[in-house]
C-alpha cells in the first residue's frame, strides 16, 4: 500500500504553529501567563535570597517562598476569572 496524500487529521491545520496557538490562548486568558511569570519570579527571588537569609531556618524560608509563589499564582488566576466574567456578563458582545 502506498501512503495517501490526504491528511489523517483534517481538523488540524498545518499552517497553525504551536506559537500562534499559544499566543491566541494568552490573548483569551491574559492573566494565566502573568501568574506563571509571577510564580517564576518569586521562585527565582527565593532562590537568590536563599544564600542571604541570615539566621532564618531553611524550612521557614522555603515555606515563606512557597506561600508567596502560590499567592501570586492564585491571585492572578482569580483576576483572570473576574476579567472573563466581566467580559462575558458586563461588556457582553452584541449577538
PDB file of N, CA and C in Angstrom:
ATOM      1  N   UNK A   1       0.833  -1.187   0.000  1.00  0.00           N
ATOM      2  CA  UNK A   1       0.000   0.000   0.000  1.00  0.00           C
ATOM      3  C   UNK A   1       0.877   1.250   0.000  1.00  0.00           C
ATOM      4  N   UNK A   2       0.515   2.186  -0.811  1.00  0.00           N
ATOM      5  CA  UNK A   2       1.259   3.445  -0.831  1.00  0.00           C
ATOM      6  C   UNK A   2       0.606   4.431   0.129  1.00  0.00           C
ATOM      7  N   UNK A   3       1.413   5.267   0.754  1.00  0.00           N
ATOM      8  CA  UNK A   3       0.832   6.234   1.688  1.00  0.00           C
ATOM      9  C   UNK A   3      -0.031   7.256   0.959  1.00  0.00           C
ATOM     10  N   UNK A   4      -1.133   7.567   1.533  1.00  0.00           N
ATOM     11  CA  UNK A   4      -2.065   8.511   0.938  1.00  0.00           C
ATOM     12  C   UNK A   4      -1.595   9.939   1.211  1.00  0.00           C
ATOM     13  N   UNK A   5      -1.889  10.821   0.284  1.00  0.00           N
ATOM     14  CA  UNK A   5      -1.501  12.218   0.436  1.00  0.00           C
ATOM     15  C   UNK A   5      -2.514  13.000   1.268  1.00  0.00           C
ATOM     16  N   UNK A   6      -3.655  12.388   1.556  1.00  0.00           N
ATOM     17  CA  UNK A   6      -4.680  13.062   2.354  1.00  0.00           C
ATOM     18  C   UNK A   6      -4.235  13.134   3.802  1.00  0.00           C
ATOM     19  N   UNK A   7      -4.675  14.159   4.433  1.00  0.00           N
ATOM     20  CA  UNK A   7      -4.314  14.346   5.834  1.00  0.00           C
ATOM     21  C   UNK A   7      -5.067  13.356   6.716  1.00  0.00           C
ATOM     22  N   UNK A   8      -4.371  12.816   7.670  1.00  0.00           N
ATOM     23  CA  UNK A   8      -5.005  11.901   8.611  1.00  0.00           C
ATOM     24  C   UNK A   8      -5.927  12.678   9.550  1.00  0.00           C
ATOM     25  N   UNK A   9      -5.496  13.871   9.911  1.00  0.00           N
ATOM     26  CA  UNK A   9      -6.259  14.730  10.806  1.00  0.00           C
ATOM     27  C   UNK A   9      -6.751  15.946  10.024  1.00  0.00           C
ATOM     28  N   UNK A  10      -7.941  15.896   9.455  1.00  0.00           N
ATOM     29  CA  UNK A  10      -8.398  17.017   8.630  1.00  0.00           C
ATOM     30  C   UNK A  10      -8.679  18.277   9.453  1.00  0.00           C
ATOM     31  N   UNK A  11      -8.999  18.133  10.726  1.00  0.00           N
ATOM     32  CA  UNK A  11      -9.295  19.312  11.543  1.00  0.00           C
ATOM     33  C   UNK A  11      -8.039  20.074  11.933  1.00  0.00           C
ATOM     34  N   UNK A  12      -6.915  19.398  11.902  1.00  0.00           N
ATOM     35  CA  UNK A  12      -5.668  20.028  12.305  1.00  0.00           C
ATOM     36  C   UNK A  12      -5.090  20.791  11.126  1.00  0.00           C
ATOM     37  N   UNK A  13      -4.849  22.065  11.318  1.00  0.00           N
ATOM     38  CA  UNK A  13      -4.279  22.881  10.251  1.00  0.00           C
ATOM     39  C   UNK A  13      -2.770  22.882  10.392  1.00  0.00           C
ATOM     40  N   UNK A  14      -2.089  22.560   9.325  1.00  0.00           N
ATOM     41  CA  UNK A  14      -0.632  22.513   9.383  1.00  0.00           C
ATOM     42  C   UNK A  14      -0.022  23.900   9.392  1.00  0.00           C
ATOM     43  N   UNK A  15      -0.767  24.904   8.939  1.00  0.00           N
ATOM     44  CA  UNK A  15      -0.237  26.267   8.929  1.00  0.00           C
ATOM     45  C   UNK A  15      -0.246  26.894  10.315  1.00  0.00           C
ATOM     46  N   UNK A  16      -1.027  26.368  11.222  1.00  0.00           N
ATOM     47  CA  UNK A  16      -1.107  26.904  12.570  1.00  0.00           C
ATOM     48  C   UNK A  16       0.018  26.301  13.396  1.00  0.00           C
ATOM     49  N   UNK A  17       0.917  27.149  13.847  1.00  0.00           N
ATOM     50  CA  UNK A  17       2.044  26.658  14.629  1.00  0.00           C
ATOM     51  C   UNK A  17       1.689  26.655  16.112  1.00  0.00           C
ATOM     52  N   UNK A  18       2.509  26.016  16.889  1.00  0.00           N
ATOM     53  CA  UNK A  18       2.291  25.971  18.338  1.00  0.00           C
ATOM     54  C   UNK A  18       2.404  27.369  18.936  1.00  0.00           C
ATOM     55  N   UNK A  19       3.295  28.184  18.396  1.00  0.00           N
ATOM     56  CA  UNK A  19       3.466  29.543  18.910  1.00  0.00           C
ATOM     57  C   UNK A  19       2.218  30.373  18.690  1.00  0.00           C
ATOM     58  N   UNK A  20       1.617  30.266  17.517  1.00  0.00           N
ATOM     59  CA  UNK A  20       0.411  31.047  17.255  1.00  0.00           C
ATOM     60  C   UNK A  20      -0.754  30.564  18.117  1.00  0.00           C
ATOM     61  N   UNK A  21      -0.815  29.263  18.360  1.00  0.00           N
ATOM     62  CA  UNK A  21      -1.852  28.751  19.268  1.00  0.00           C
ATOM     63  C   UNK A  21      -1.642  29.272  20.680  1.00  0.00           C
ATOM     64  N   UNK A  22      -0.380  29.306  21.117  1.00  0.00           N
ATOM     65  CA  UNK A  22      -0.063  29.801  22.452  1.00  0.00           C
ATOM     66  C   UNK A  22      -0.399  31.281  22.584  1.00  0.00           C
ATOM     67  N   UNK A  23      -0.086  32.066  21.580  1.00  0.00           N
ATOM     68  CA  UNK A  23      -0.403  33.494  21.603  1.00  0.00           C
ATOM     69  C   UNK A  23      -1.912  33.704  21.615  1.00  0.00           C
ATOM     70  N   UNK A  24      -2.646  32.916  20.851  1.00  0.00           N
ATOM     71  CA  UNK A  24      -4.111  33.017  20.838  1.00  0.00           C
ATOM     72  C   UNK A  24      -4.681  32.696  22.222  1.00  0.00           C
ATOM     73  N   UNK A  25      -4.155  31.651  22.851  1.00  0.00           N
ATOM     74  CA  UNK A  25      -4.637  31.264  24.178  1.00  0.00           C
ATOM     75  C   UNK A  25      -4.302  32.342  25.212  1.00  0.00           C
ATOM     76  N   UNK A  26      -3.126  32.958  25.086  1.00  0.00           N
ATOM     77  CA  UNK A  26      -2.740  34.026  26.011  1.00  0.00           C
ATOM     78  C   UNK A  26      -3.624  35.252  25.845  1.00  0.00           C
ATOM     79  N   UNK A  27      -4.093  35.504  24.618  1.00  0.00           N
ATOM     80  CA  UNK A  27      -4.994  36.633  24.399  1.00  0.00           C
ATOM     81  C   UNK A  27      -6.370  36.369  24.998  1.00  0.00           C
ATOM     82  N   UNK A  28      -6.781  35.086  24.981  1.00  0.00           N
ATOM     83  CA  UNK A  28      -8.076  34.733  25.566  1.00  0.00           C
ATOM     84  C   UNK A  28      -8.040  34.828  27.082  1.00  0.00           C
ATOM     85  N   UNK A  29      -6.953  34.380  27.698  1.00  0.00           N
ATOM     86  CA  UNK A  29      -6.809  34.391  29.153  1.00  0.00           C
ATOM     87  C   UNK A  29      -5.478  35.049  29.512  1.00  0.00           C
ATOM     88  N   UNK A  30      -5.448  36.385  29.579  1.00  0.00           N
ATOM     89  CA  UNK A  30      -4.173  37.080  29.753  1.00  0.00           C
ATOM     90  C   UNK A  30      -3.556  36.939  31.143  1.00  0.00           C
ATOM     91  N   UNK A  31      -4.322  36.570  32.136  1.00  0.00           N
ATOM     92  CA  UNK A  31      -3.767  36.515  33.485  1.00  0.00           C
ATOM     93  C   UNK A  31      -3.040  35.208  33.781  1.00  0.00           C
ATOM     94  N   UNK A  32      -3.219  34.193  32.968  1.00  0.00           N
ATOM     95  CA  UNK A  32      -2.509  32.928  33.176  1.00  0.00           C
ATOM     96  C   UNK A  32      -1.002  33.107  32.958  1.00  0.00           C
ATOM     97  N   UNK A  33      -0.560  33.713  31.843  1.00  0.00           N
ATOM     98  CA  UNK A  33       0.885  33.912  31.708  1.00  0.00           C
ATOM     99  C   UNK A  33       1.446  34.879  32.730  1.00  0.00           C
ATOM    100  N   UNK A  34       0.628  35.842  33.168  1.00  0.00           N
ATOM    101  CA  UNK A  34       1.075  36.762  34.215  1.00  0.00           C
ATOM    102  C   UNK A  34       1.296  35.984  35.513  1.00  0.00           C
ATOM    103  N   UNK A  35       0.383  35.081  35.834  1.00  0.00           N
ATOM    104  CA  UNK A  35       0.538  34.248  37.026  1.00  0.00           C
ATOM    105  C   UNK A  35       1.740  33.331  36.930  1.00  0.00           C
ATOM    106  N   UNK A  36       1.960  32.767  35.741  1.00  0.00           N
ATOM    107  CA  UNK A  36       3.124  31.899  35.557  1.00  0.00           C
ATOM    108  C   UNK A  36       4.422  32.695  35.699  1.00  0.00           C
ATOM    109  N   UNK A  37       4.467  33.881  35.121  1.00  0.00           N
ATOM    110  CA  UNK A  37       5.667  34.721  35.213  1.00  0.00           C
ATOM    111  C   UNK A  37       5.906  35.168  36.651  1.00  0.00           C
ATOM    112  N   UNK A  38       4.837  35.528  37.352  1.00  0.00           N
ATOM    113  CA  UNK A  38       4.980  35.936  38.747  1.00  0.00           C
ATOM    114  C   UNK A  38       5.453  34.796  39.628  1.00  0.00           C
ATOM    115  N   UNK A  39       4.902  33.617  39.403  1.00  0.00           N
ATOM    116  CA  UNK A  39       5.326  32.443  40.147  1.00  0.00           C
ATOM    117  C   UNK A  39       6.813  32.184  39.918  1.00  0.00           C
ATOM    118  N   UNK A  40       7.235  32.254  38.666  1.00  0.00           N
ATOM    119  CA  UNK A  40       8.642  32.033  38.336  1.00  0.00           C
ATOM    120  C   UNK A  40       9.526  33.113  38.963  1.00  0.00           C
ATOM    121  N   UNK A  41       9.061  34.351  38.954  1.00  0.00           N
ATOM    122  CA  UNK A  41       9.839  35.445  39.544  1.00  0.00           C
ATOM    123  C   UNK A  41       9.993  35.262  41.054  1.00  0.00           C
ATOM    124  N   UNK A  42       8.927  34.869  41.733  1.00  0.00           N
ATOM    125  CA  UNK A  42       9.000  34.663  43.180  1.00  0.00           C
ATOM    126  C   UNK A  42       9.941  33.502  43.503  1.00  0.00           C
ATOM    127  N   UNK A  43       9.868  32.436  42.724  1.00  0.00           N
ATOM    128  CA  UNK A  43      10.765  31.301  42.947  1.00  0.00           C
ATOM    129  C   UNK A  43      12.211  31.703  42.696  1.00  0.00           C
ATOM    130  N   UNK A  44      12.462  32.462  41.632  1.00  0.00           N
ATOM    131  CA  UNK A  44      13.827  32.915  41.340  1.00  0.00           C
ATOM    132  C   UNK A  44      14.342  33.836  42.448  1.00  0.00           C
ATOM    133  N   UNK A  45      13.492  34.745  42.909  1.00  0.00           N
ATOM    134  CA  UNK A  45      13.879  35.635  44.005  1.00  0.00           C
ATOM    135  C   UNK A  45      14.162  34.836  45.268  1.00  0.00           C
ATOM    136  N   UNK A  46      13.351  33.838  45.542  1.00  0.00           N
ATOM    137  CA  UNK A  46      13.557  32.998  46.722  1.00  0.00           C
ATOM    138  C   UNK A  46      14.858  32.227  46.657  1.00  0.00           C
ATOM    139  N   UNK A  47      15.190  31.719  45.473  1.00  0.00           N
ATOM    140  CA  UNK A  47      16.462  31.016  45.319  1.00  0.00           C
ATOM    141  C   UNK A  47      17.640  31.969  45.472  1.00  0.00           C
ATOM    142  N   UNK A  48      17.484  33.190  44.979  1.00  0.00           N
ATOM    143  CA  UNK A  48      18.545  34.184  45.125  1.00  0.00           C
ATOM    144  C   UNK A  48      18.733  34.560  46.595  1.00  0.00           C
ATOM    145  N   UNK A  49      17.619  34.779  47.299  1.00  0.00           N
ATOM    146  CA  UNK A  49      17.692  35.183  48.709  1.00  0.00           C
ATOM    147  C   UNK A  49      18.031  34.016  49.632  1.00  0.00           C
ATOM    148  N   UNK A  50      18.009  32.809  49.118  1.00  0.00           N
ATOM    149  CA  UNK A  50      18.330  31.642  49.926  1.00  0.00           C
ATOM    150  C   UNK A  50      19.745  31.748  50.497  1.00  0.00           C
ATOM    151  N   UNK A  51      20.620  32.325  49.719  1.00  0.00           N
ATOM    152  CA  UNK A  51      22.009  32.468  50.157  1.00  0.00           C
ATOM    153  C   UNK A  51      22.151  33.529  51.245  1.00  0.00           C
ATOM    154  N   UNK A  52      21.307  34.564  51.224  1.00  0.00           N
ATOM    155  CA  UNK A  52      21.419  35.687  52.163  1.00  0.00           C
ATOM    156  C   UNK A  52      20.240  35.741  53.121  1.00  0.00           C
ATOM    157  N   UNK A  53      19.842  34.623  53.667  1.00  0.00           N
ATOM    158  CA  UNK A  53      18.663  34.607  54.535  1.00  0.00           C
ATOM    159  C   UNK A  53      18.980  34.919  55.983  1.00  0.00           C
ATOM    160  N   UNK A  54      20.244  35.029  56.348  1.00  0.00           N
ATOM    161  CA  UNK A  54      20.617  35.376  57.715  1.00  0.00           C
ATOM    162  C   UNK A  54      20.411  34.219  58.666  1.00  0.00           C
ATOM    163  N   UNK A  55      19.756  34.496  59.795  1.00  0.00           N
ATOM    164  CA  UNK A  55      19.545  33.481  60.819  1.00  0.00           C
ATOM    165  C   UNK A  55      18.283  32.648  60.595  1.00  0.00           C
ATOM    166  N   UNK A  56      17.528  32.945  59.564  1.00  0.00           N
ATOM    167  CA  UNK A  56      16.280  32.228  59.319  1.00  0.00           C
ATOM    168  C   UNK A  56      16.581  30.769  58.923  1.00  0.00           C
ATOM    169  N   UNK A  57      15.797  29.860  59.479  1.00  0.00           N
ATOM    170  CA  UNK A  57      15.965  28.447  59.138  1.00  0.00           C
ATOM    171  C   UNK A  57      15.568  28.212  57.692  1.00  0.00           C
ATOM    172  N   UNK A  58      16.159  27.204  57.101  1.00  0.00           N
ATOM    173  CA  UNK A  58      15.890  26.874  55.703  1.00  0.00           C
ATOM    174  C   UNK A  58      14.428  26.509  55.491  1.00  0.00           C
ATOM    175  N   UNK A  59      13.871  25.703  56.376  1.00  0.00           N
ATOM    176  CA  UNK A  59      12.480  25.268  56.204  1.00  0.00           C
ATOM    177  C   UNK A  59      11.518  26.456  56.263  1.00  0.00           C
ATOM    178  N   UNK A  60      11.779  27.403  57.154  1.00  0.00           N
ATOM    179  CA  UNK A  60      10.916  28.584  57.265  1.00  0.00           C
ATOM    180  C   UNK A  60      11.025  29.452  56.016  1.00  0.00           C
ATOM    181  N   UNK A  61      12.229  29.594  55.504  1.00  0.00           N
ATOM    182  CA  UNK A  61      12.427  30.376  54.273  1.00  0.00           C
ATOM    183  C   UNK A  61      11.675  29.729  53.104  1.00  0.00           C
ATOM    184  N   UNK A  62      11.770  28.421  52.985  1.00  0.00           N
ATOM    185  CA  UNK A  62      11.091  27.727  51.894  1.00  0.00           C
ATOM    186  C   UNK A  62       9.570  27.817  52.011  1.00  0.00           C
ATOM    187  N   UNK A  63       9.069  27.767  53.234  1.00  0.00           N
ATOM    188  CA  UNK A  63       7.622  27.905  53.444  1.00  0.00           C
ATOM    189  C   UNK A  63       7.162  29.291  53.021  1.00  0.00           C
ATOM    190  N   UNK A  64       7.916  30.323  53.393  1.00  0.00           N
ATOM    191  CA  UNK A  64       7.546  31.693  53.013  1.00  0.00           C
ATOM    192  C   UNK A  64       7.559  31.870  51.503  1.00  0.00           C
ATOM    193  N   UNK A  65       8.557  31.330  50.851  1.00  0.00           N
ATOM    194  CA  UNK A  65       8.637  31.462  49.395  1.00  0.00           C
ATOM    195  C   UNK A  65       7.517  30.687  48.704  1.00  0.00           C
ATOM    196  N   UNK A  66       7.178  29.517  49.226  1.00  0.00           N
ATOM    197  CA  UNK A  66       6.086  28.738  48.642  1.00  0.00           C
ATOM    198  C   UNK A  66       4.761  29.475  48.767  1.00  0.00           C
ATOM    199  N   UNK A  67       4.519  30.053  49.939  1.00  0.00           N
ATOM    200  CA  UNK A  67       3.273  30.793  50.151  1.00  0.00           C
ATOM    201  C   UNK A  67       3.208  32.008  49.233  1.00  0.00           C
ATOM    202  N   UNK A  68       4.327  32.710  49.075  1.00  0.00           N
ATOM    203  CA  UNK A  68       4.346  33.884  48.196  1.00  0.00           C
ATOM    204  C   UNK A  68       4.098  33.477  46.744  1.00  0.00           C
ATOM    205  N   UNK A  69       4.729  32.419  46.291  1.00  0.00           N
ATOM    206  CA  UNK A  69       4.560  31.970  44.906  1.00  0.00           C
ATOM    207  C   UNK A  69       3.129  31.494  44.658  1.00  0.00           C
ATOM    208  N   UNK A  70       2.589  30.724  45.587  1.00  0.00           N
ATOM    209  CA  UNK A  70       1.209  30.248  45.418  1.00  0.00           C
ATOM    210  C   UNK A  70       0.229  31.406  45.488  1.00  0.00           C
ATOM    211  N   UNK A  71       0.490  32.357  46.360  1.00  0.00           N
ATOM    212  CA  UNK A  71      -0.388  33.525  46.466  1.00  0.00           C
ATOM    213  C   UNK A  71      -0.426  34.318  45.178  1.00  0.00           C
ATOM    214  N   UNK A  72       0.734  34.501  44.568  1.00  0.00           N
ATOM    215  CA  UNK A  72       0.781  35.233  43.312  1.00  0.00           C
ATOM    216  C   UNK A  72       0.021  34.485  42.217  1.00  0.00           C
ATOM    217  N   UNK A  73       0.226  33.191  42.126  1.00  0.00           N
ATOM    218  CA  UNK A  73      -0.444  32.400  41.088  1.00  0.00           C
ATOM    219  C   UNK A  73      -1.963  32.382  41.300  1.00  0.00           C
ATOM    220  N   UNK A  74      -2.412  32.171  42.521  1.00  0.00           N
ATOM    221  CA  UNK A  74      -3.846  32.146  42.804  1.00  0.00           C
ATOM    222  C   UNK A  74      -4.461  33.525  42.576  1.00  0.00           C
ATOM    223  N   UNK A  75      -3.753  34.574  42.962  1.00  0.00           N
ATOM    224  CA  UNK A  75      -4.245  35.933  42.722  1.00  0.00           C
ATOM    225  C   UNK A  75      -4.401  36.232  41.242  1.00  0.00           C
ATOM    226  N   UNK A  76      -3.432  35.829  40.449  1.00  0.00           N
ATOM    227  CA  UNK A  76      -3.515  36.052  39.006  1.00  0.00           C
ATOM    228  C   UNK A  76      -4.659  35.255  38.393  1.00  0.00           C
ATOM    229  N   UNK A  77      -4.849  34.021  38.829  1.00  0.00           N
ATOM    230  CA  UNK A  77      -5.966  33.221  38.310  1.00  0.00           C
ATOM    231  C   UNK A  77      -7.309  33.814  38.714  1.00  0.00           C
ATOM    232  N   UNK A  78      -7.398  34.328  39.934  1.00  0.00           N
ATOM    233  CA  UNK A  78      -8.633  34.966  40.390  1.00  0.00           C
ATOM    234  C   UNK A  78      -8.929  36.209  39.554  1.00  0.00           C
ATOM    235  N   UNK A  79      -7.907  37.013  39.296  1.00  0.00           N
ATOM    236  CA  UNK A  79      -8.094  38.183  38.441  1.00  0.00           C
ATOM    237  C   UNK A  79      -8.520  37.766  37.039  1.00  0.00           C
ATOM    238  N   UNK A  80      -7.968  36.677  36.533  1.00  0.00           N
ATOM    239  CA  UNK A  80      -8.351  36.181  35.216  1.00  0.00           C
ATOM    240  C   UNK A  80      -9.801  35.746  35.161  1.00  0.00           C
ATOM    241  N   UNK A  81     -10.263  35.081  36.202  1.00  0.00           N
ATOM    242  CA  UNK A  81     -11.671  34.656  36.247  1.00  0.00           C
ATOM    243  C   UNK A  81     -12.582  35.873  36.322  1.00  0.00           C
ATOM    244  N   UNK A  82     -12.219  36.842  37.146  1.00  0.00           N
ATOM    245  CA  UNK A  82     -13.021  38.064  37.245  1.00  0.00           C
ATOM    246  C   UNK A  82     -13.033  38.820  35.920  1.00  0.00           C
ATOM    247  N   UNK A  83     -11.899  38.863  35.234  1.00  0.00           N
ATOM    248  CA  UNK A  83     -11.809  39.518  33.930  1.00  0.00           C
ATOM    249  C   UNK A  83     -12.703  38.815  32.909  1.00  0.00           C
ATOM    250  N   UNK A  84     -12.682  37.491  32.928  1.00  0.00           N
ATOM    251  CA  UNK A  84     -13.523  36.726  31.999  1.00  0.00           C
ATOM    252  C   UNK A  84     -15.003  36.947  32.294  1.00  0.00           C
ATOM    253  N   UNK A  85     -15.359  36.959  33.569  1.00  0.00           N
ATOM    254  CA  UNK A  85     -16.755  37.205  33.940  1.00  0.00           C
ATOM    255  C   UNK A  85     -17.178  38.609  33.537  1.00  0.00           C
ATOM    256  N   UNK A  86     -16.281  39.568  33.713  1.00  0.00           N
ATOM    257  CA  UNK A  86     -16.585  40.946  33.328  1.00  0.00           C
ATOM    258  C   UNK A  86     -16.822  41.037  31.831  1.00  0.00           C
ATOM    259  N   UNK A  87     -15.955  40.397  31.046  1.00  0.00           N
ATOM    260  CA  UNK A  87     -16.111  40.420  29.589  1.00  0.00           C
ATOM    261  C   UNK A  87     -17.401  39.733  29.157  1.00  0.00           C
ATOM    262  N   UNK A  88     -17.753  38.652  29.831  1.00  0.00           N
ATOM    263  CA  UNK A  88     -18.898  37.864  29.390  1.00  0.00           C
ATOM    264  C   UNK A  88     -20.230  38.451  29.852  1.00  0.00           C
ATOM    265  N   UNK A  89     -20.289  38.984  31.063  1.00  0.00           N
ATOM    266  CA  UNK A  89     -21.577  39.396  31.612  1.00  0.00           C
ATOM    267  C   UNK A  89     -21.788  40.903  31.629  1.00  0.00           C
ATOM    268  N   UNK A  90     -20.741  41.693  31.781  1.00  0.00           N
ATOM    269  CA  UNK A  90     -20.930  43.146  31.868  1.00  0.00           C
ATOM    270  C   UNK A  90     -20.787  43.779  30.490  1.00  0.00           C
ATOM    271  N   UNK A  91     -19.700  43.494  29.820  1.00  0.00           N
ATOM    272  CA  UNK A  91     -19.457  44.047  28.485  1.00  0.00           C
ATOM    273  C   UNK A  91     -19.777  42.943  27.482  1.00  0.00           C
ATOM    274  N   UNK A  92     -21.018  42.559  27.465  1.00  0.00           N
ATOM    275  CA  UNK A  92     -21.455  41.445  26.620  1.00  0.00           C
ATOM    276  C   UNK A  92     -21.452  41.863  25.165  1.00  0.00           C
ATOM    277  N   UNK A  93     -20.794  41.098  24.319  1.00  0.00           N
ATOM    278  CA  UNK A  93     -20.827  41.425  22.901  1.00  0.00           C
ATOM    279  C   UNK A  93     -22.230  41.231  22.317  1.00  0.00           C
ATOM    280  N   UNK A  94     -22.575  42.094  21.397  1.00  0.00           N
ATOM    281  CA  UNK A  94     -23.912  42.012  20.789  1.00  0.00           C
ATOM    282  C   UNK A  94     -23.974  40.817  19.858  1.00  0.00           C
ATOM    283  N   UNK A  95     -25.032  40.066  20.012  1.00  0.00           N
ATOM    284  CA  UNK A  95     -25.200  38.843  19.204  1.00  0.00           C
ATOM    285  C   UNK A  95     -26.144  39.088  18.053  1.00  0.00           C
TER     286      UNK A  95
END
